[in-house]
Each structure stands twice: as C-alpha cells, then as structure tokens.
C-alpha cells in the first residue's frame, strides 16, 4: 500500500501539532525560534543522512509502504518529513519536561 508510511507520518505530525497548539509548548509559544530550530535540525540530519548514504552506511530498502519517490539516491521523500516530525516532537517533549520541572520546583518552594 504505497503512501501508508507518509500518511502515518503526516497523521502523527498533526497530532504533535495539536498538542503543541493546545498547550502552547514549542511553535505555539515561540514560532520564530521553534521553526528555525526545526529547519536547522532537519537540515543537519539530512546532511548526516547524505554523508551516511555516500559512505554506504545508509541504503534505501524496498518497502511497499513508501511512495516510491527518491529525492536523491537512497533518500526517499518520506525522510525529510520524518526528520522534521522528529525535530518538532523533540521540541514539544523538551518544552513539556521543562514546564513540568518548573511547576514542580515552584510547588516545592511554596
């Protein structure tokens, strides 16, 4: 079923976006900084992937779940979507953990 993986990534990303917006954790709290971090993180990880591909460490396996579009040899279309999702998820989790720690310290100080 081509596109299932991309669909799952997009659905998961929408879920993280909904959590972010609902609780004002990352992009909702500071859009400029968060989007810059997501873009820089995605670019860094893409370069990392390209270096790994050039070194022969990363290869694209055959899967019926992929759309079948390669942006470069062994770099499927789904990869940058996954990396952007991963970067945004990391920001949301970091903001959530930071917020909970701050609240716990405030409660302990009171």
N, C-alpha and C. Protein backbone atom coordinates (compact mmCIF):
# COMPACT_ATOMS: atom_id res chain seq x y z
N UNK A 1 0.84 -1.18 0.00
CA UNK A 1 0.00 0.00 0.00
C UNK A 1 0.89 1.25 0.00
N UNK A 2 1.26 1.74 -1.17
CA UNK A 2 2.13 2.91 -1.27
C UNK A 2 1.54 4.13 -0.57
N UNK A 3 2.40 4.84 0.14
CA UNK A 3 1.99 6.07 0.80
C UNK A 3 1.53 5.89 2.23
N UNK A 4 1.44 4.66 2.70
CA UNK A 4 0.96 4.43 4.07
C UNK A 4 1.91 5.03 5.10
N UNK A 5 3.21 4.88 4.88
CA UNK A 5 4.19 5.43 5.81
C UNK A 5 4.11 6.95 5.84
N UNK A 6 4.04 7.59 4.67
CA UNK A 6 3.93 9.04 4.61
C UNK A 6 2.64 9.50 5.28
N UNK A 7 1.56 8.79 5.05
CA UNK A 7 0.29 9.12 5.71
C UNK A 7 0.39 9.02 7.22
N UNK A 8 1.06 7.97 7.71
CA UNK A 8 1.24 7.81 9.15
C UNK A 8 2.09 8.94 9.73
N UNK A 9 3.12 9.34 8.99
CA UNK A 9 3.96 10.45 9.43
C UNK A 9 3.16 11.74 9.52
N UNK A 10 2.37 12.01 8.50
CA UNK A 10 1.57 13.24 8.49
C UNK A 10 0.54 13.22 9.61
N UNK A 11 -0.11 12.10 9.80
CA UNK A 11 -1.10 11.98 10.89
C UNK A 11 -0.44 12.18 12.25
N UNK A 12 0.73 11.58 12.44
CA UNK A 12 1.46 11.75 13.69
C UNK A 12 1.90 13.20 13.89
N UNK A 13 2.36 13.82 12.81
CA UNK A 13 2.78 15.23 12.89
C UNK A 13 1.59 16.12 13.26
N UNK A 14 0.44 15.83 12.70
CA UNK A 14 -0.76 16.61 13.05
C UNK A 14 -1.11 16.45 14.52
N UNK A 15 -0.92 15.25 15.05
CA UNK A 15 -1.16 15.03 16.48
C UNK A 15 -0.21 15.83 17.35
N UNK A 16 1.06 15.86 16.98
CA UNK A 16 2.05 16.64 17.75
C UNK A 16 1.75 18.13 17.62
N UNK A 17 1.36 18.57 16.44
CA UNK A 17 0.98 19.97 16.25
C UNK A 17 -0.21 20.33 17.12
N UNK A 18 -1.19 19.45 17.19
CA UNK A 18 -2.38 19.70 18.02
C UNK A 18 -1.99 19.83 19.49
N UNK A 19 -1.12 18.95 19.96
CA UNK A 19 -0.66 19.01 21.36
C UNK A 19 0.12 20.30 21.59
N UNK A 20 0.97 20.66 20.65
CA UNK A 20 1.76 21.88 20.75
C UNK A 20 0.85 23.10 20.84
N UNK A 21 -0.11 23.19 19.95
CA UNK A 21 -1.01 24.35 19.94
C UNK A 21 -1.89 24.39 21.19
N UNK A 22 -2.39 23.23 21.59
CA UNK A 22 -3.29 23.17 22.76
C UNK A 22 -2.60 23.63 24.04
N UNK A 23 -1.33 23.22 24.20
CA UNK A 23 -0.61 23.52 25.44
C UNK A 23 0.46 24.59 25.29
N UNK A 24 0.53 25.21 24.10
CA UNK A 24 1.49 26.27 23.81
C UNK A 24 2.90 25.88 24.28
N UNK A 25 3.42 24.82 23.69
CA UNK A 25 4.69 24.26 24.13
C UNK A 25 5.90 24.75 23.32
N UNK A 26 5.85 24.66 22.01
CA UNK A 26 7.04 24.99 21.20
C UNK A 26 6.68 26.04 20.15
N UNK A 27 6.18 25.60 19.00
CA UNK A 27 5.86 26.52 17.91
C UNK A 27 4.80 27.53 18.36
N UNK A 28 3.84 27.08 19.12
CA UNK A 28 2.78 27.99 19.58
C UNK A 28 3.32 29.04 20.56
N UNK A 29 4.35 28.68 21.32
CA UNK A 29 4.90 29.60 22.31
C UNK A 29 5.90 30.58 21.69
N UNK A 30 6.73 30.11 20.77
CA UNK A 30 7.75 30.95 20.15
C UNK A 30 7.95 30.47 18.71
N UNK A 31 7.07 30.91 17.79
CA UNK A 31 7.09 30.37 16.43
C UNK A 31 8.41 30.57 15.69
N UNK A 32 8.98 31.75 15.77
CA UNK A 32 10.21 32.03 15.03
C UNK A 32 11.36 31.13 15.43
N UNK A 33 11.61 31.07 16.72
CA UNK A 33 12.71 30.25 17.23
C UNK A 33 12.46 28.77 16.97
N UNK A 34 11.24 28.32 17.22
CA UNK A 34 10.92 26.90 17.04
C UNK A 34 11.04 26.46 15.58
N UNK A 35 10.49 27.26 14.67
CA UNK A 35 10.58 26.90 13.26
C UNK A 35 12.02 26.93 12.76
N UNK A 36 12.83 27.86 13.28
CA UNK A 36 14.25 27.90 12.93
C UNK A 36 14.95 26.64 13.43
N UNK A 37 14.65 26.24 14.66
CA UNK A 37 15.26 25.03 15.21
C UNK A 37 14.84 23.79 14.43
N UNK A 38 13.58 23.72 14.06
CA UNK A 38 13.10 22.57 13.28
C UNK A 38 13.80 22.54 11.92
N UNK A 39 13.90 23.69 11.27
CA UNK A 39 14.55 23.76 9.96
C UNK A 39 16.04 23.41 10.06
N UNK A 40 16.73 23.95 11.05
CA UNK A 40 18.17 23.67 11.22
C UNK A 40 18.39 22.20 11.59
N UNK A 41 17.58 21.68 12.48
CA UNK A 41 17.70 20.28 12.86
C UNK A 41 17.45 19.35 11.69
N UNK A 42 16.42 19.65 10.91
CA UNK A 42 16.10 18.83 9.74
C UNK A 42 17.23 18.91 8.72
N UNK A 43 17.76 20.10 8.48
CA UNK A 43 18.87 20.26 7.52
C UNK A 43 20.10 19.49 8.00
N UNK A 44 20.42 19.60 9.28
CA UNK A 44 21.58 18.88 9.82
C UNK A 44 21.41 17.38 9.66
N UNK A 45 20.24 16.87 10.00
CA UNK A 45 20.01 15.43 9.89
C UNK A 45 19.98 14.96 8.44
N UNK A 46 19.51 15.81 7.53
CA UNK A 46 19.55 15.46 6.11
C UNK A 46 20.99 15.37 5.61
N UNK A 47 21.82 16.32 6.03
CA UNK A 47 23.24 16.27 5.66
C UNK A 47 23.87 15.00 6.24
N UNK A 48 23.52 14.70 7.48
CA UNK A 48 24.01 13.47 8.13
C UNK A 48 23.61 12.25 7.30
N UNK A 49 22.36 12.21 6.86
CA UNK A 49 21.88 11.11 6.01
C UNK A 49 22.66 11.03 4.71
N UNK A 50 22.87 12.18 4.07
CA UNK A 50 23.59 12.20 2.80
C UNK A 50 25.03 11.72 2.96
N UNK A 51 25.67 12.08 4.06
CA UNK A 51 27.02 11.59 4.33
C UNK A 51 26.98 10.08 4.55
N UNK A 52 26.01 9.61 5.30
CA UNK A 52 25.87 8.17 5.51
C UNK A 52 25.57 7.42 4.23
N UNK A 53 24.77 8.01 3.36
CA UNK A 53 24.47 7.39 2.06
C UNK A 53 25.73 7.33 1.21
N UNK A 54 26.48 8.44 1.17
CA UNK A 54 27.72 8.48 0.38
C UNK A 54 28.74 7.47 0.89
N UNK A 55 28.74 7.24 2.20
CA UNK A 55 29.69 6.29 2.80
C UNK A 55 29.20 4.84 2.66
N UNK A 56 27.98 4.67 2.20
CA UNK A 56 27.44 3.33 2.04
C UNK A 56 26.84 2.76 3.31
N UNK A 57 26.70 3.59 4.34
CA UNK A 57 26.13 3.12 5.61
C UNK A 57 24.62 3.03 5.52
N UNK A 58 23.99 4.02 4.90
CA UNK A 58 22.54 4.05 4.77
C UNK A 58 22.15 3.66 3.35
N UNK A 59 21.25 2.74 3.24
CA UNK A 59 20.70 2.37 1.93
C UNK A 59 19.19 2.30 2.05
N UNK A 60 18.53 2.55 0.96
CA UNK A 60 17.07 2.51 0.94
C UNK A 60 16.64 1.08 0.68
N UNK A 61 15.91 0.53 1.60
CA UNK A 61 15.36 -0.80 1.42
C UNK A 61 14.08 -0.73 0.60
N UNK A 62 13.66 -1.86 0.12
CA UNK A 62 12.41 -1.91 -0.64
C UNK A 62 11.26 -2.09 0.34
N UNK A 63 10.28 -1.24 0.23
CA UNK A 63 9.09 -1.34 1.07
C UNK A 63 7.88 -0.91 0.26
N UNK A 64 6.82 -1.67 0.34
CA UNK A 64 5.60 -1.28 -0.37
C UNK A 64 4.89 -0.11 0.31
N UNK A 65 5.36 0.30 1.49
CA UNK A 65 4.71 1.40 2.23
C UNK A 65 5.20 2.77 1.78
N UNK A 66 6.34 2.82 1.08
CA UNK A 66 6.88 4.09 0.62
C UNK A 66 6.19 4.53 -0.66
N UNK A 67 6.17 5.84 -0.88
CA UNK A 67 5.55 6.39 -2.08
C UNK A 67 6.32 5.97 -3.33
N UNK A 68 7.64 5.86 -3.21
CA UNK A 68 8.46 5.45 -4.35
C UNK A 68 9.19 6.60 -5.01
N UNK A 69 9.11 7.79 -4.42
CA UNK A 69 9.81 8.96 -4.95
C UNK A 69 11.10 9.15 -4.17
N UNK A 70 12.22 9.18 -4.87
CA UNK A 70 13.51 9.43 -4.23
C UNK A 70 13.95 10.86 -4.52
N UNK A 71 14.36 11.58 -3.47
CA UNK A 71 14.89 12.94 -3.64
C UNK A 71 16.34 12.89 -4.09
N UNK A 72 17.01 11.83 -3.73
CA UNK A 72 18.39 11.54 -4.12
C UNK A 72 18.52 10.02 -4.03
N UNK A 73 19.58 9.45 -4.55
CA UNK A 73 19.73 8.01 -4.41
C UNK A 73 19.69 7.58 -2.93
N UNK A 74 18.83 6.65 -2.61
CA UNK A 74 18.65 6.10 -1.26
C UNK A 74 18.05 7.10 -0.28
N UNK A 75 17.46 8.19 -0.78
CA UNK A 75 16.82 9.18 0.09
C UNK A 75 15.36 9.33 -0.34
N UNK A 76 14.46 8.58 0.30
CA UNK A 76 13.05 8.64 -0.08
C UNK A 76 12.40 9.95 0.36
N UNK A 77 11.33 10.30 -0.28
CA UNK A 77 10.55 11.51 0.02
C UNK A 77 10.16 11.56 1.50
N UNK A 78 9.91 10.43 2.08
CA UNK A 78 9.45 10.37 3.47
C UNK A 78 10.52 10.80 4.47
N UNK A 79 11.78 10.73 4.10
CA UNK A 79 12.86 11.00 5.06
C UNK A 79 12.84 12.44 5.61
N UNK A 80 12.79 13.49 4.78
CA UNK A 80 12.74 14.84 5.36
C UNK A 80 11.47 15.09 6.17
N UNK A 81 10.37 14.46 5.78
CA UNK A 81 9.13 14.60 6.55
C UNK A 81 9.33 13.98 7.93
N UNK A 82 9.93 12.79 7.97
CA UNK A 82 10.22 12.13 9.24
C UNK A 82 11.15 12.97 10.10
N UNK A 83 12.20 13.51 9.48
CA UNK A 83 13.17 14.29 10.25
C UNK A 83 12.56 15.57 10.82
N UNK A 84 11.72 16.25 10.05
CA UNK A 84 11.04 17.44 10.57
C UNK A 84 10.09 17.06 11.70
N UNK A 85 9.38 15.95 11.53
CA UNK A 85 8.50 15.45 12.60
C UNK A 85 9.31 15.16 13.86
N UNK A 86 10.44 14.49 13.70
CA UNK A 86 11.29 14.15 14.83
C UNK A 86 11.79 15.39 15.56
N UNK A 87 12.21 16.40 14.81
CA UNK A 87 12.69 17.65 15.42
C UNK A 87 11.57 18.36 16.18
N UNK A 88 10.38 18.43 15.59
CA UNK A 88 9.26 19.09 16.26
C UNK A 88 8.85 18.30 17.51
N UNK A 89 8.79 16.98 17.40
CA UNK A 89 8.46 16.15 18.56
C UNK A 89 9.46 16.36 19.69
N UNK A 90 10.73 16.45 19.34
CA UNK A 90 11.77 16.68 20.36
C UNK A 90 11.56 18.02 21.06
N UNK A 91 11.24 19.07 20.30
CA UNK A 91 10.98 20.38 20.91
C UNK A 91 9.77 20.33 21.84
N UNK A 92 8.72 19.65 21.42
CA UNK A 92 7.50 19.56 22.23
C UNK A 92 7.77 18.80 23.52
N UNK A 93 8.48 17.67 23.43
CA UNK A 93 8.80 16.89 24.63
C UNK A 93 9.71 17.69 25.56
N UNK A 94 10.70 18.38 24.99
CA UNK A 94 11.59 19.20 25.82
C UNK A 94 10.80 20.30 26.54
N UNK A 95 9.92 20.97 25.82
CA UNK A 95 9.12 22.04 26.44
C UNK A 95 8.21 21.48 27.53
N UNK A 96 7.64 20.31 27.29
CA UNK A 96 6.77 19.69 28.29
C UNK A 96 7.54 19.32 29.55
N UNK A 97 8.70 18.70 29.37
CA UNK A 97 9.52 18.32 30.53
C UNK A 97 9.98 19.56 31.29
N UNK A 98 10.40 20.60 30.57
CA UNK A 98 10.84 21.83 31.21
C UNK A 98 9.71 22.47 32.00
N UNK A 99 8.52 22.50 31.41
CA UNK A 99 7.36 23.08 32.09
C UNK A 99 7.02 22.31 33.36
N UNK A 100 7.04 20.99 33.28
CA UNK A 100 6.72 20.18 34.47
C UNK A 100 7.76 20.35 35.56
N UNK A 101 9.02 20.43 35.19
CA UNK A 101 10.07 20.65 36.20
C UNK A 101 9.91 22.01 36.86
N UNK A 102 9.60 23.02 36.07
CA UNK A 102 9.42 24.37 36.62
C UNK A 102 8.25 24.39 37.59
N UNK A 103 7.15 23.74 37.23
CA UNK A 103 5.99 23.69 38.12
C UNK A 103 6.30 22.91 39.39
N UNK A 104 7.05 21.84 39.27
CA UNK A 104 7.41 21.05 40.45
C UNK A 104 8.30 21.86 41.40
N UNK A 105 9.24 22.61 40.84
CA UNK A 105 10.11 23.44 41.68
C UNK A 105 9.31 24.54 42.36
N UNK A 106 8.36 25.13 41.63
CA UNK A 106 7.52 26.18 42.20
C UNK A 106 6.68 25.63 43.35
N UNK A 107 6.15 24.42 43.14
CA UNK A 107 5.34 23.78 44.18
C UNK A 107 6.18 23.46 45.41
N UNK A 108 7.40 22.97 45.19
CA UNK A 108 8.28 22.62 46.31
C UNK A 108 8.75 23.86 47.07
N UNK A 109 8.91 24.97 46.37
CA UNK A 109 9.34 26.21 47.01
C UNK A 109 8.24 26.85 47.83
N UNK A 110 7.01 26.55 47.50
CA UNK A 110 5.88 27.18 48.21
C UNK A 110 5.54 26.53 49.49
